[in-house]
Amino acid sequence: MNDDRNLLVDGCSKMGLDLKDAQVKCFETYLSLLLEWNGKMNLTAIDTPQEVITEHFLDSVSVLKVCAPGKGAQVLDVGSGAGFPGIPMQIVRPDIHLTMVDAVLKKTFFWRKSGSSWD
């Protein structure tokens, strides 16, 4: 997990995003839950920790470099799937008000049932 943590922290740092320990722990919890639930209900084809970090987490937070919502902004994530990019954005920017929408019920079930685990 230490290599995974470094991959996440270094990747965010290269984007000018310095994660606090609590944020890193949220990402670690999210990663663990995603991999656990993915084995049960196929939330994403990406299924290794390193790929989830680079292809989901870092890609998701890179949105903040292109479009930096103001403090307290309303953010709508349409087609959230397994929670991307919304949940990683929320972890990095807890001040945003996030609404996530997806047409696939099992995916909304995942983030609604496990969401309180990474707050």
PDB file of N, CA and C in Angstrom:
ATOM      1  N   MET A   1       0.823  -1.199   0.000  1.00  0.00           N
ATOM      2  CA  MET A   1       0.000   0.000   0.000  1.00  0.00           C
ATOM      3  C   MET A   1       0.862   1.256   0.000  1.00  0.00           C
ATOM      4  N   ASN A   2       2.089   1.157   0.498  1.00  0.00           N
ATOM      5  CA  ASN A   2       2.973   2.316   0.533  1.00  0.00           C
ATOM      6  C   ASN A   2       3.306   2.821  -0.865  1.00  0.00           C
ATOM      7  N   ASP A   3       3.550   1.888  -1.811  1.00  0.00           N
ATOM      8  CA  ASP A   3       3.816   2.279  -3.197  1.00  0.00           C
ATOM      9  C   ASP A   3       2.587   2.945  -3.805  1.00  0.00           C
ATOM     10  N   ASP A   4       1.397   2.421  -3.486  1.00  0.00           N
ATOM     11  CA  ASP A   4       0.160   3.010  -3.981  1.00  0.00           C
ATOM     12  C   ASP A   4      -0.019   4.415  -3.430  1.00  0.00           C
ATOM     13  N   ARG A   5       0.278   4.569  -2.150  1.00  0.00           N
ATOM     14  CA  ARG A   5       0.170   5.880  -1.507  1.00  0.00           C
ATOM     15  C   ARG A   5       1.111   6.873  -2.183  1.00  0.00           C
ATOM     16  N   ASN A   6       2.352   6.448  -2.434  1.00  0.00           N
ATOM     17  CA  ASN A   6       3.329   7.333  -3.083  1.00  0.00           C
ATOM     18  C   ASN A   6       2.894   7.705  -4.493  1.00  0.00           C
ATOM     19  N   LEU A   7       2.336   6.748  -5.223  1.00  0.00           N
ATOM     20  CA  LEU A   7       1.849   7.006  -6.572  1.00  0.00           C
ATOM     21  C   LEU A   7       0.777   8.087  -6.552  1.00  0.00           C
ATOM     22  N   LEU A   8      -0.148   7.990  -5.617  1.00  0.00           N
ATOM     23  CA  LEU A   8      -1.222   8.963  -5.477  1.00  0.00           C
ATOM     24  C   LEU A   8      -0.688  10.332  -5.057  1.00  0.00           C
ATOM     25  N   VAL A   9       0.095  10.360  -4.002  1.00  0.00           N
ATOM     26  CA  VAL A   9       0.606  11.620  -3.468  1.00  0.00           C
ATOM     27  C   VAL A   9       1.507  12.320  -4.484  1.00  0.00           C
ATOM     28  N   ASP A  10       2.413  11.565  -5.115  1.00  0.00           N
ATOM     29  CA  ASP A  10       3.318  12.151  -6.114  1.00  0.00           C
ATOM     30  C   ASP A  10       2.549  12.651  -7.325  1.00  0.00           C
ATOM     31  N   GLY A  11       1.561  11.872  -7.781  1.00  0.00           N
ATOM     32  CA  GLY A  11       0.759  12.281  -8.926  1.00  0.00           C
ATOM     33  C   GLY A  11      -0.008  13.562  -8.661  1.00  0.00           C
ATOM     34  N   CYS A  12      -0.582  13.672  -7.490  1.00  0.00           N
ATOM     35  CA  CYS A  12      -1.305  14.896  -7.123  1.00  0.00           C
ATOM     36  C   CYS A  12      -0.344  16.061  -6.976  1.00  0.00           C
ATOM     37  N   SER A  13       0.795  15.809  -6.379  1.00  0.00           N
ATOM     38  CA  SER A  13       1.788  16.861  -6.180  1.00  0.00           C
ATOM     39  C   SER A  13       2.244  17.451  -7.517  1.00  0.00           C
ATOM     40  N   LYS A  14       2.399  16.599  -8.524  1.00  0.00           N
ATOM     41  CA  LYS A  14       2.802  17.075  -9.855  1.00  0.00           C
ATOM     42  C   LYS A  14       1.752  17.988 -10.466  1.00  0.00           C
ATOM     43  N   MET A  15       0.509  17.869 -10.006  1.00  0.00           N
ATOM     44  CA  MET A  15      -0.565  18.744 -10.472  1.00  0.00           C
ATOM     45  C   MET A  15      -0.740  19.960  -9.571  1.00  0.00           C
ATOM     46  N   GLY A  16       0.140  20.084  -8.562  1.00  0.00           N
ATOM     47  CA  GLY A  16       0.041  21.201  -7.631  1.00  0.00           C
ATOM     48  C   GLY A  16      -0.992  20.987  -6.547  1.00  0.00           C
ATOM     49  N   LEU A  17      -1.385  19.739  -6.338  1.00  0.00           N
ATOM     50  CA  LEU A  17      -2.366  19.402  -5.310  1.00  0.00           C
ATOM     51  C   LEU A  17      -1.669  18.646  -4.187  1.00  0.00           C
ATOM     52  N   ASP A  18      -1.533  19.279  -3.054  1.00  0.00           N
ATOM     53  CA  ASP A  18      -0.881  18.654  -1.903  1.00  0.00           C
ATOM     54  C   ASP A  18      -1.941  18.050  -1.003  1.00  0.00           C
ATOM     55  N   LEU A  19      -1.943  16.728  -0.925  1.00  0.00           N
ATOM     56  CA  LEU A  19      -2.945  16.018  -0.136  1.00  0.00           C
ATOM     57  C   LEU A  19      -2.570  15.994   1.340  1.00  0.00           C
ATOM     58  N   LYS A  20      -3.560  16.163   2.177  1.00  0.00           N
ATOM     59  CA  LYS A  20      -3.388  15.995   3.615  1.00  0.00           C
ATOM     60  C   LYS A  20      -3.523  14.508   3.924  1.00  0.00           C
ATOM     61  N   ASP A  21      -3.016  14.105   5.084  1.00  0.00           N
ATOM     62  CA  ASP A  21      -3.088  12.693   5.481  1.00  0.00           C
ATOM     63  C   ASP A  21      -4.523  12.174   5.476  1.00  0.00           C
ATOM     64  N   ALA A  22      -5.462  12.984   5.950  1.00  0.00           N
ATOM     65  CA  ALA A  22      -6.861  12.567   5.989  1.00  0.00           C
ATOM     66  C   ALA A  22      -7.390  12.315   4.575  1.00  0.00           C
ATOM     67  N   GLN A  23      -6.959  13.105   3.610  1.00  0.00           N
ATOM     68  CA  GLN A  23      -7.396  12.912   2.229  1.00  0.00           C
ATOM     69  C   GLN A  23      -6.804  11.629   1.646  1.00  0.00           C
ATOM     70  N   VAL A  24      -5.548  11.375   1.948  1.00  0.00           N
ATOM     71  CA  VAL A  24      -4.910  10.141   1.478  1.00  0.00           C
ATOM     72  C   VAL A  24      -5.647   8.935   2.058  1.00  0.00           C
ATOM     73  N   LYS A  25      -6.012   9.009   3.326  1.00  0.00           N
ATOM     74  CA  LYS A  25      -6.762   7.913   3.953  1.00  0.00           C
ATOM     75  C   LYS A  25      -8.121   7.725   3.290  1.00  0.00           C
ATOM     76  N   CYS A  26      -8.772   8.816   2.904  1.00  0.00           N
ATOM     77  CA  CYS A  26     -10.050   8.710   2.188  1.00  0.00           C
ATOM     78  C   CYS A  26      -9.853   7.989   0.861  1.00  0.00           C
ATOM     79  N   PHE A  27      -8.810   8.347   0.128  1.00  0.00           N
ATOM     80  CA  PHE A  27      -8.521   7.666  -1.136  1.00  0.00           C
ATOM     81  C   PHE A  27      -8.219   6.180  -0.906  1.00  0.00           C
ATOM     82  N   GLU A  28      -7.473   5.872   0.142  1.00  0.00           N
ATOM     83  CA  GLU A  28      -7.154   4.470   0.440  1.00  0.00           C
ATOM     84  C   GLU A  28      -8.420   3.683   0.752  1.00  0.00           C
ATOM     85  N   THR A  29      -9.322   4.276   1.517  1.00  0.00           N
ATOM     86  CA  THR A  29     -10.587   3.619   1.841  1.00  0.00           C
ATOM     87  C   THR A  29     -11.419   3.434   0.583  1.00  0.00           C
ATOM     88  N   TYR A  30     -11.501   4.481  -0.235  1.00  0.00           N
ATOM     89  CA  TYR A  30     -12.255   4.412  -1.485  1.00  0.00           C
ATOM     90  C   TYR A  30     -11.680   3.321  -2.385  1.00  0.00           C
ATOM     91  N   LEU A  31     -10.373   3.261  -2.496  1.00  0.00           N
ATOM     92  CA  LEU A  31      -9.714   2.236  -3.310  1.00  0.00           C
ATOM     93  C   LEU A  31     -10.077   0.840  -2.814  1.00  0.00           C
ATOM     94  N   SER A  32      -9.985   0.636  -1.526  1.00  0.00           N
ATOM     95  CA  SER A  32     -10.292  -0.667  -0.935  1.00  0.00           C
ATOM     96  C   SER A  32     -11.747  -1.063  -1.195  1.00  0.00           C
ATOM     97  N   LEU A  33     -12.665  -0.133  -0.960  1.00  0.00           N
ATOM     98  CA  LEU A  33     -14.083  -0.416  -1.182  1.00  0.00           C
ATOM     99  C   LEU A  33     -14.375  -0.656  -2.660  1.00  0.00           C
ATOM    100  N   LEU A  34     -13.771   0.134  -3.525  1.00  0.00           N
ATOM    101  CA  LEU A  34     -13.983  -0.024  -4.962  1.00  0.00           C
ATOM    102  C   LEU A  34     -13.538  -1.406  -5.428  1.00  0.00           C
ATOM    103  N   LEU A  35     -12.363  -1.824  -5.003  1.00  0.00           N
ATOM    104  CA  LEU A  35     -11.860  -3.139  -5.406  1.00  0.00           C
ATOM    105  C   LEU A  35     -12.718  -4.264  -4.826  1.00  0.00           C
ATOM    106  N   GLU A  36     -13.156  -4.102  -3.591  1.00  0.00           N
ATOM    107  CA  GLU A  36     -14.015  -5.113  -2.958  1.00  0.00           C
ATOM    108  C   GLU A  36     -15.350  -5.228  -3.707  1.00  0.00           C
ATOM    109  N   TRP A  37     -16.021  -4.106  -3.909  1.00  0.00           N
ATOM    110  CA  TRP A  37     -17.330  -4.112  -4.573  1.00  0.00           C
ATOM    111  C   TRP A  37     -17.184  -4.492  -6.043  1.00  0.00           C
ATOM    112  N   ASN A  38     -16.088  -4.117  -6.678  1.00  0.00           N
ATOM    113  CA  ASN A  38     -15.882  -4.426  -8.089  1.00  0.00           C
ATOM    114  C   ASN A  38     -15.839  -5.939  -8.308  1.00  0.00           C
ATOM    115  N   GLY A  39     -15.324  -6.666  -7.341  1.00  0.00           N
ATOM    116  CA  GLY A  39     -15.301  -8.118  -7.436  1.00  0.00           C
ATOM    117  C   GLY A  39     -16.685  -8.736  -7.385  1.00  0.00           C
ATOM    118  N   LYS A  40     -17.638  -8.010  -6.815  1.00  0.00           N
ATOM    119  CA  LYS A  40     -19.004  -8.505  -6.682  1.00  0.00           C
ATOM    120  C   LYS A  40     -19.923  -8.052  -7.815  1.00  0.00           C
ATOM    121  N   MET A  41     -19.697  -6.829  -8.318  1.00  0.00           N
ATOM    122  CA  MET A  41     -20.668  -6.292  -9.270  1.00  0.00           C
ATOM    123  C   MET A  41     -20.066  -5.570 -10.472  1.00  0.00           C
ATOM    124  N   ASN A  42     -18.804  -5.763 -10.774  1.00  0.00           N
ATOM    125  CA  ASN A  42     -18.183  -5.209 -11.969  1.00  0.00           C
ATOM    126  C   ASN A  42     -18.490  -3.726 -12.177  1.00  0.00           C
ATOM    127  N   LEU A  43     -17.959  -2.904 -11.298  1.00  0.00           N
ATOM    128  CA  LEU A  43     -18.155  -1.464 -11.392  1.00  0.00           C
ATOM    129  C   LEU A  43     -17.264  -0.825 -12.455  1.00  0.00           C
ATOM    130  N   THR A  44     -16.066  -1.375 -12.635  1.00  0.00           N
ATOM    131  CA  THR A  44     -15.109  -0.826 -13.587  1.00  0.00           C
ATOM    132  C   THR A  44     -14.222  -1.953 -14.107  1.00  0.00           C
ATOM    133  N   ALA A  45     -13.769  -1.804 -15.352  1.00  0.00           N
ATOM    134  CA  ALA A  45     -12.861  -2.813 -15.922  1.00  0.00           C
ATOM    135  C   ALA A  45     -11.457  -2.666 -15.355  1.00  0.00           C
ATOM    136  N   ILE A  46     -11.157  -1.504 -14.826  1.00  0.00           N
ATOM    137  CA  ILE A  46      -9.846  -1.244 -14.227  1.00  0.00           C
ATOM    138  C   ILE A  46      -9.877  -1.831 -12.820  1.00  0.00           C
ATOM    139  N   ASP A  47      -8.977  -2.799 -12.558  1.00  0.00           N
ATOM    140  CA  ASP A  47      -9.120  -3.527 -11.301  1.00  0.00           C
ATOM    141  C   ASP A  47      -7.833  -3.770 -10.527  1.00  0.00           C
ATOM    142  N   THR A  48      -6.776  -3.033 -10.837  1.00  0.00           N
ATOM    143  CA  THR A  48      -5.580  -3.123  -9.999  1.00  0.00           C
ATOM    144  C   THR A  48      -5.406  -1.787  -9.285  1.00  0.00           C
ATOM    145  N   PRO A  49      -4.845  -1.796  -8.091  1.00  0.00           N
ATOM    146  CA  PRO A  49      -4.684  -0.545  -7.352  1.00  0.00           C
ATOM    147  C   PRO A  49      -3.943   0.536  -8.153  1.00  0.00           C
ATOM    148  N   GLN A  50      -2.870   0.167  -8.812  1.00  0.00           N
ATOM    149  CA  GLN A  50      -2.084   1.155  -9.558  1.00  0.00           C
ATOM    150  C   GLN A  50      -2.895   1.755 -10.705  1.00  0.00           C
ATOM    151  N   GLU A  51      -3.643   0.920 -11.413  1.00  0.00           N
ATOM    152  CA  GLU A  51      -4.473   1.434 -12.511  1.00  0.00           C
ATOM    153  C   GLU A  51      -5.599   2.321 -11.985  1.00  0.00           C
ATOM    154  N   VAL A  52      -6.225   1.939 -10.885  1.00  0.00           N
ATOM    155  CA  VAL A  52      -7.290   2.757 -10.307  1.00  0.00           C
ATOM    156  C   VAL A  52      -6.723   4.127  -9.933  1.00  0.00           C
ATOM    157  N   ILE A  53      -5.549   4.137  -9.329  1.00  0.00           N
ATOM    158  CA  ILE A  53      -4.939   5.407  -8.924  1.00  0.00           C
ATOM    159  C   ILE A  53      -4.639   6.280 -10.139  1.00  0.00           C
ATOM    160  N   THR A  54      -3.995   5.717 -11.161  1.00  0.00           N
ATOM    161  CA  THR A  54      -3.608   6.540 -12.318  1.00  0.00           C
ATOM    162  C   THR A  54      -4.776   6.823 -13.254  1.00  0.00           C
ATOM    163  N   GLU A  55      -5.576   5.809 -13.564  1.00  0.00           N
ATOM    164  CA  GLU A  55      -6.631   5.964 -14.572  1.00  0.00           C
ATOM    165  C   GLU A  55      -7.934   6.540 -14.020  1.00  0.00           C
ATOM    166  N   HIS A  56      -8.150   6.415 -12.726  1.00  0.00           N
ATOM    167  CA  HIS A  56      -9.385   6.954 -12.141  1.00  0.00           C
ATOM    168  C   HIS A  56      -9.097   8.129 -11.206  1.00  0.00           C
ATOM    169  N   PHE A  57      -8.318   7.905 -10.166  1.00  0.00           N
ATOM    170  CA  PHE A  57      -8.115   8.958  -9.173  1.00  0.00           C
ATOM    171  C   PHE A  57      -7.398  10.172  -9.750  1.00  0.00           C
ATOM    172  N   LEU A  58      -6.228   9.950 -10.344  1.00  0.00           N
ATOM    173  CA  LEU A  58      -5.457  11.085 -10.853  1.00  0.00           C
ATOM    174  C   LEU A  58      -6.145  11.745 -12.044  1.00  0.00           C
ATOM    175  N   ASP A  59      -6.734  10.951 -12.924  1.00  0.00           N
ATOM    176  CA  ASP A  59      -7.497  11.546 -14.035  1.00  0.00           C
ATOM    177  C   ASP A  59      -8.646  12.397 -13.498  1.00  0.00           C
ATOM    178  N   SER A  60      -9.317  11.916 -12.472  1.00  0.00           N
ATOM    179  CA  SER A  60     -10.454  12.649 -11.910  1.00  0.00           C
ATOM    180  C   SER A  60     -10.041  13.983 -11.310  1.00  0.00           C
ATOM    181  N   VAL A  61      -8.985  13.981 -10.524  1.00  0.00           N
ATOM    182  CA  VAL A  61      -8.583  15.243  -9.886  1.00  0.00           C
ATOM    183  C   VAL A  61      -7.912  16.192 -10.877  1.00  0.00           C
ATOM    184  N   SER A  62      -7.462  15.676 -12.015  1.00  0.00           N
ATOM    185  CA  SER A  62      -6.863  16.565 -13.020  1.00  0.00           C
ATOM    186  C   SER A  62      -7.890  17.552 -13.564  1.00  0.00           C
ATOM    187  N   VAL A  63      -9.169  17.230 -13.438  1.00  0.00           N
ATOM    188  CA  VAL A  63     -10.236  18.147 -13.839  1.00  0.00           C
ATOM    189  C   VAL A  63     -10.102  19.466 -13.077  1.00  0.00           C
ATOM    190  N   LEU A  64      -9.657  19.386 -11.841  1.00  0.00           N
ATOM    191  CA  LEU A  64      -9.522  20.586 -11.009  1.00  0.00           C
ATOM    192  C   LEU A  64      -8.454  21.541 -11.530  1.00  0.00           C
ATOM    193  N   LYS A  65      -7.532  21.048 -12.331  1.00  0.00           N
ATOM    194  CA  LYS A  65      -6.508  21.910 -12.923  1.00  0.00           C
ATOM    195  C   LYS A  65      -7.055  22.647 -14.150  1.00  0.00           C
ATOM    196  N   VAL A  66      -8.012  22.036 -14.821  1.00  0.00           N
ATOM    197  CA  VAL A  66      -8.594  22.618 -16.029  1.00  0.00           C
ATOM    198  C   VAL A  66      -9.770  23.524 -15.678  1.00  0.00           C
ATOM    199  N   CYS A  67     -10.555  23.081 -14.728  1.00  0.00           N
ATOM    200  CA  CYS A  67     -11.758  23.806 -14.331  1.00  0.00           C
ATOM    201  C   CYS A  67     -11.798  23.829 -12.808  1.00  0.00           C
ATOM    202  N   ALA A  68     -11.308  24.902 -12.228  1.00  0.00           N
ATOM    203  CA  ALA A  68     -11.259  24.999 -10.765  1.00  0.00           C
ATOM    204  C   ALA A  68     -12.528  25.681 -10.260  1.00  0.00           C
ATOM    205  N   PRO A  69     -13.479  24.890  -9.732  1.00  0.00           N
ATOM    206  CA  PRO A  69     -14.704  25.503  -9.218  1.00  0.00           C
ATOM    207  C   PRO A  69     -14.403  26.369  -8.001  1.00  0.00           C
ATOM    208  N   GLY A  70     -15.146  27.459  -7.872  1.00  0.00           N
ATOM    209  CA  GLY A  70     -14.974  28.339  -6.724  1.00  0.00           C
ATOM    210  C   GLY A  70     -15.374  27.655  -5.429  1.00  0.00           C
ATOM    211  N   LYS A  71     -14.968  28.232  -4.328  1.00  0.00           N
ATOM    212  CA  LYS A  71     -15.296  27.671  -3.014  1.00  0.00           C
ATOM    213  C   LYS A  71     -16.811  27.572  -2.864  1.00  0.00           C
ATOM    214  N   GLY A  72     -17.263  26.384  -2.463  1.00  0.00           N
ATOM    215  CA  GLY A  72     -18.682  26.146  -2.248  1.00  0.00           C
ATOM    216  C   GLY A  72     -19.482  25.942  -3.530  1.00  0.00           C
ATOM    217  N   ALA A  73     -18.806  25.758  -4.655  1.00  0.00           N
ATOM    218  CA  ALA A  73     -19.489  25.612  -5.939  1.00  0.00           C
ATOM    219  C   ALA A  73     -20.364  24.361  -5.981  1.00  0.00           C
ATOM    220  N   GLN A  74     -21.414  24.444  -6.772  1.00  0.00           N
ATOM    221  CA  GLN A  74     -22.270  23.298  -7.053  1.00  0.00           C
ATOM    222  C   GLN A  74     -21.645  22.550  -8.223  1.00  0.00           C
ATOM    223  N   VAL A  75     -21.366  21.256  -8.054  1.00  0.00           N
ATOM    224  CA  VAL A  75     -20.757  20.446  -9.104  1.00  0.00           C
ATOM    225  C   VAL A  75     -21.684  19.276  -9.418  1.00  0.00           C
ATOM    226  N   LEU A  76     -21.978  19.096 -10.704  1.00  0.00           N
ATOM    227  CA  LEU A  76     -22.828  18.007 -11.145  1.00  0.00           C
ATOM    228  C   LEU A  76     -21.987  17.028 -11.943  1.00  0.00           C
ATOM    229  N   ASP A  77     -21.947  15.779 -11.490  1.00  0.00           N
ATOM    230  CA  ASP A  77     -21.219  14.704 -12.169  1.00  0.00           C
ATOM    231  C   ASP A  77     -22.264  13.803 -12.813  1.00  0.00           C
ATOM    232  N   VAL A  78     -22.440  13.951 -14.137  1.00  0.00           N
ATOM    233  CA  VAL A  78     -23.424  13.161 -14.874  1.00  0.00           C
ATOM    234  C   VAL A  78     -22.729  11.948 -15.473  1.00  0.00           C
ATOM    235  N   GLY A  79     -23.285  10.772 -15.219  1.00  0.00           N
ATOM    236  CA  GLY A  79     -22.655   9.541 -15.686  1.00  0.00           C
ATOM    237  C   GLY A  79     -21.497   9.161 -14.788  1.00  0.00           C
ATOM    238  N   SER A  80     -21.735   9.209 -13.505  1.00  0.00           N
ATOM    239  CA  SER A  80     -20.686   9.032 -12.495  1.00  0.00           C
ATOM    240  C   SER A  80     -20.060   7.649 -12.470  1.00  0.00           C
ATOM    241  N   GLY A  81     -20.764   6.648 -12.955  1.00  0.00           N
ATOM    242  CA  GLY A  81     -20.223   5.295 -12.913  1.00  0.00           C
ATOM    243  C   GLY A  81     -19.893   4.887 -11.490  1.00  0.00           C
ATOM    244  N   ALA A  82     -18.662   4.494 -11.279  1.00  0.00           N
ATOM    245  CA  ALA A  82     -18.218   4.070  -9.950  1.00  0.00           C
ATOM    246  C   ALA A  82     -17.780   5.258  -9.080  1.00  0.00           C
ATOM    247  N   GLY A  83     -18.158   6.463  -9.508  1.00  0.00           N
ATOM    248  CA  GLY A  83     -17.879   7.654  -8.704  1.00  0.00           C
ATOM    249  C   GLY A  83     -16.848   8.595  -9.295  1.00  0.00           C
ATOM    250  N   PHE A  84     -16.588   8.460 -10.589  1.00  0.00           N
ATOM    251  CA  PHE A  84     -15.551   9.275 -11.228  1.00  0.00           C
ATOM    252  C   PHE A  84     -16.151  10.275 -12.201  1.00  0.00           C
ATOM    253  N   PRO A  85     -15.721  11.489 -12.143  1.00  0.00           N
ATOM    254  CA  PRO A  85     -14.652  12.080 -11.338  1.00  0.00           C
ATOM    255  C   PRO A  85     -15.107  12.636  -9.993  1.00  0.00           C
ATOM    256  N   GLY A  86     -16.420  12.563  -9.702  1.00  0.00           N
ATOM    257  CA  GLY A  86     -16.978  13.246  -8.540  1.00  0.00           C
ATOM    258  C   GLY A  86     -16.350  12.959  -7.193  1.00  0.00           C
ATOM    259  N   ILE A  87     -16.222  11.695  -6.831  1.00  0.00           N
ATOM    260  CA  ILE A  87     -15.736  11.372  -5.490  1.00  0.00           C
ATOM    261  C   ILE A  87     -14.285  11.823  -5.283  1.00  0.00           C
ATOM    262  N   PRO A  88     -13.366  11.537  -6.220  1.00  0.00           N
ATOM    263  CA  PRO A  88     -12.013  12.057  -6.019  1.00  0.00           C
ATOM    264  C   PRO A  88     -11.966  13.588  -5.937  1.00  0.00           C
ATOM    265  N   MET A  89     -12.799  14.255  -6.749  1.00  0.00           N
ATOM    266  CA  MET A  89     -12.848  15.719  -6.667  1.00  0.00           C
ATOM    267  C   MET A  89     -13.328  16.166  -5.293  1.00  0.00           C
ATOM    268  N   GLN A  90     -14.330  15.480  -4.763  1.00  0.00           N
ATOM    269  CA  GLN A  90     -14.882  15.824  -3.449  1.00  0.00           C
ATOM    270  C   GLN A  90     -13.861  15.585  -2.336  1.00  0.00           C
ATOM    271  N   ILE A  91     -13.071  14.527  -2.474  1.00  0.00           N
ATOM    272  CA  ILE A  91     -12.043  14.251  -1.469  1.00  0.00           C
ATOM    273  C   ILE A  91     -11.003  15.376  -1.455  1.00  0.00           C
ATOM    274  N   VAL A  92     -10.597  15.816  -2.639  1.00  0.00           N
ATOM    275  CA  VAL A  92      -9.593  16.878  -2.732  1.00  0.00           C
ATOM    276  C   VAL A  92     -10.196  18.237  -2.384  1.00  0.00           C
ATOM    277  N   ARG A  93     -11.449  18.449  -2.761  1.00  0.00           N
ATOM    278  CA  ARG A  93     -12.127  19.730  -2.532  1.00  0.00           C
ATOM    279  C   ARG A  93     -13.416  19.503  -1.746  1.00  0.00           C
ATOM    280  N   PRO A  94     -13.309  19.246  -0.441  1.00  0.00           N
ATOM    281  CA  PRO A  94     -14.499  18.955   0.357  1.00  0.00           C
ATOM    282  C   PRO A  94     -15.478  20.125   0.449  1.00  0.00           C
ATOM    283  N   ASP A  95     -15.056  21.301   0.013  1.00  0.00           N
ATOM    284  CA  ASP A  95     -15.938  22.470   0.067  1.00  0.00           C
ATOM    285  C   ASP A  95     -16.973  22.495  -1.057  1.00  0.00           C
ATOM    286  N   ILE A  96     -16.783  21.703  -2.108  1.00  0.00           N
ATOM    287  CA  ILE A  96     -17.759  21.713  -3.200  1.00  0.00           C
ATOM    288  C   ILE A  96     -19.002  20.927  -2.813  1.00  0.00           C
ATOM    289  N   HIS A  97     -20.119  21.295  -3.417  1.00  0.00           N
ATOM    290  CA  HIS A  97     -21.376  20.588  -3.201  1.00  0.00           C
ATOM    291  C   HIS A  97     -21.587  19.699  -4.420  1.00  0.00           C
ATOM    292  N   LEU A  98     -21.417  18.403  -4.231  1.00  0.00           N
ATOM    293  CA  LEU A  98     -21.404  17.440  -5.323  1.00  0.00           C
ATOM    294  C   LEU A  98     -22.737  16.720  -5.451  1.00  0.00           C
ATOM    295  N   THR A  99     -23.237  16.660  -6.681  1.00  0.00           N
ATOM    296  CA  THR A  99     -24.392  15.839  -7.020  1.00  0.00           C
ATOM    297  C   THR A  99     -23.942  14.873  -8.097  1.00  0.00           C
ATOM    298  N   MET A 100     -24.197  13.584  -7.869  1.00  0.00           N
ATOM    299  CA  MET A 100     -23.794  12.564  -8.837  1.00  0.00           C
ATOM    300  C   MET A 100     -25.040  11.881  -9.390  1.00  0.00           C
ATOM    301  N   VAL A 101     -24.984  11.564 -10.702  1.00  0.00           N
ATOM    302  CA  VAL A 101     -26.106  10.936 -11.383  1.00  0.00           C
ATOM    303  C   VAL A 101     -25.569   9.818 -12.262  1.00  0.00           C
ATOM    304  N   ASP A 102     -26.252   8.681 -12.246  1.00  0.00           N
ATOM    305  CA  ASP A 102     -25.907   7.605 -13.160  1.00  0.00           C
ATOM    306  C   ASP A 102     -27.163   6.790 -13.439  1.00  0.00           C
ATOM    307  N   ALA A 103     -27.274   6.277 -14.660  1.00  0.00           N
ATOM    308  CA  ALA A 103     -28.441   5.498 -15.057  1.00  0.00           C
ATOM    309  C   ALA A 103     -28.363   4.046 -14.592  1.00  0.00           C
ATOM    310  N   VAL A 104     -27.187   3.601 -14.159  1.00  0.00           N
ATOM    311  CA  VAL A 104     -27.013   2.205 -13.748  1.00  0.00           C
ATOM    312  C   VAL A 104     -27.177   2.114 -12.230  1.00  0.00           C
ATOM    313  N   LEU A 105     -28.262   1.493 -11.816  1.00  0.00           N
ATOM    314  CA  LEU A 105     -28.627   1.444 -10.398  1.00  0.00           C
ATOM    315  C   LEU A 105     -27.537   0.852  -9.516  1.00  0.00           C
ATOM    316  N   LYS A 106     -26.873  -0.228  -9.960  1.00  0.00           N
ATOM    317  CA  LYS A 106     -25.865  -0.870  -9.113  1.00  0.00           C
ATOM    318  C   LYS A 106     -24.717   0.082  -8.798  1.00  0.00           C
ATOM    319  N   LYS A 107     -24.421   0.993  -9.709  1.00  0.00           N
ATOM    320  CA  LYS A 107     -23.336   1.948  -9.463  1.00  0.00           C
ATOM    321  C   LYS A 107     -23.764   3.000  -8.447  1.00  0.00           C
ATOM    322  N   THR A 108     -24.992   3.475  -8.541  1.00  0.00           N
ATOM    323  CA  THR A 108     -25.470   4.435  -7.544  1.00  0.00           C
ATOM    324  C   THR A 108     -25.569   3.772  -6.181  1.00  0.00           C
ATOM    325  N   PHE A 109     -25.933   2.500  -6.169  1.00  0.00           N
ATOM    326  CA  PHE A 109     -26.006   1.748  -4.917  1.00  0.00           C
ATOM    327  C   PHE A 109     -24.630   1.707  -4.255  1.00  0.00           C
ATOM    328  N   PHE A 110     -23.584   1.476  -5.052  1.00  0.00           N
ATOM    329  CA  PHE A 110     -22.222   1.436  -4.518  1.00  0.00           C
ATOM    330  C   PHE A 110     -21.884   2.748  -3.823  1.00  0.00           C
ATOM    331  N   TRP A 111     -22.033   3.900  -4.504  1.00  0.00           N
ATOM    332  CA  TRP A 111     -21.603   5.124  -3.849  1.00  0.00           C
ATOM    333  C   TRP A 111     -22.539   5.596  -2.769  1.00  0.00           C
ATOM    334  N   ARG A 112     -23.787   5.204  -2.826  1.00  0.00           N
ATOM    335  CA  ARG A 112     -24.699   5.592  -1.743  1.00  0.00           C
ATOM    336  C   ARG A 112     -24.456   4.756  -0.488  1.00  0.00           C
ATOM    337  N   LYS A 113     -24.177   3.466  -0.646  1.00  0.00           N
ATOM    338  CA  LYS A 113     -23.983   2.577   0.506  1.00  0.00           C
ATOM    339  C   LYS A 113     -22.594   2.705   1.122  1.00  0.00           C
ATOM    340  N   SER A 114     -21.600   2.941   0.315  1.00  0.00           N
ATOM    341  CA  SER A 114     -20.234   2.987   0.854  1.00  0.00           C
ATOM    342  C   SER A 114     -19.712   4.405   1.054  1.00  0.00           C
ATOM    343  N   GLY A 115     -20.439   5.391   0.598  1.00  0.00           N
ATOM    344  CA  GLY A 115     -19.989   6.786   0.636  1.00  0.00           C
ATOM    345  C   GLY A 115     -19.597   7.312   1.993  1.00  0.00           C
ATOM    346  N   SER A 116     -20.303   6.940   3.018  1.00  0.00           N
ATOM    347  CA  SER A 116     -19.983   7.455   4.350  1.00  0.00           C
ATOM    348  C   SER A 116     -18.662   6.904   4.860  1.00  0.00           C
ATOM    349  N   SER A 117     -18.144   5.873   4.210  1.00  0.00           N
ATOM    350  CA  SER A 117     -16.892   5.253   4.657  1.00  0.00           C
ATOM    351  C   SER A 117     -15.668   6.101   4.346  1.00  0.00           C
ATOM    352  N   TRP A 118     -15.746   6.977   3.355  1.00  0.00           N
ATOM    353  CA  TRP A 118     -14.563   7.770   3.015  1.00  0.00           C
ATOM    354  C   TRP A 118     -14.713   9.248   3.340  1.00  0.00           C
ATOM    355  N   ASP A 119     -15.789   9.596   4.051  1.00  0.00           N
ATOM    356  CA  ASP A 119     -15.953  11.002   4.491  1.00  0.00           C
ATOM    357  C   ASP A 119     -14.976  11.338   5.583  1.00  0.00           C
TER     358      ASP A 119
END
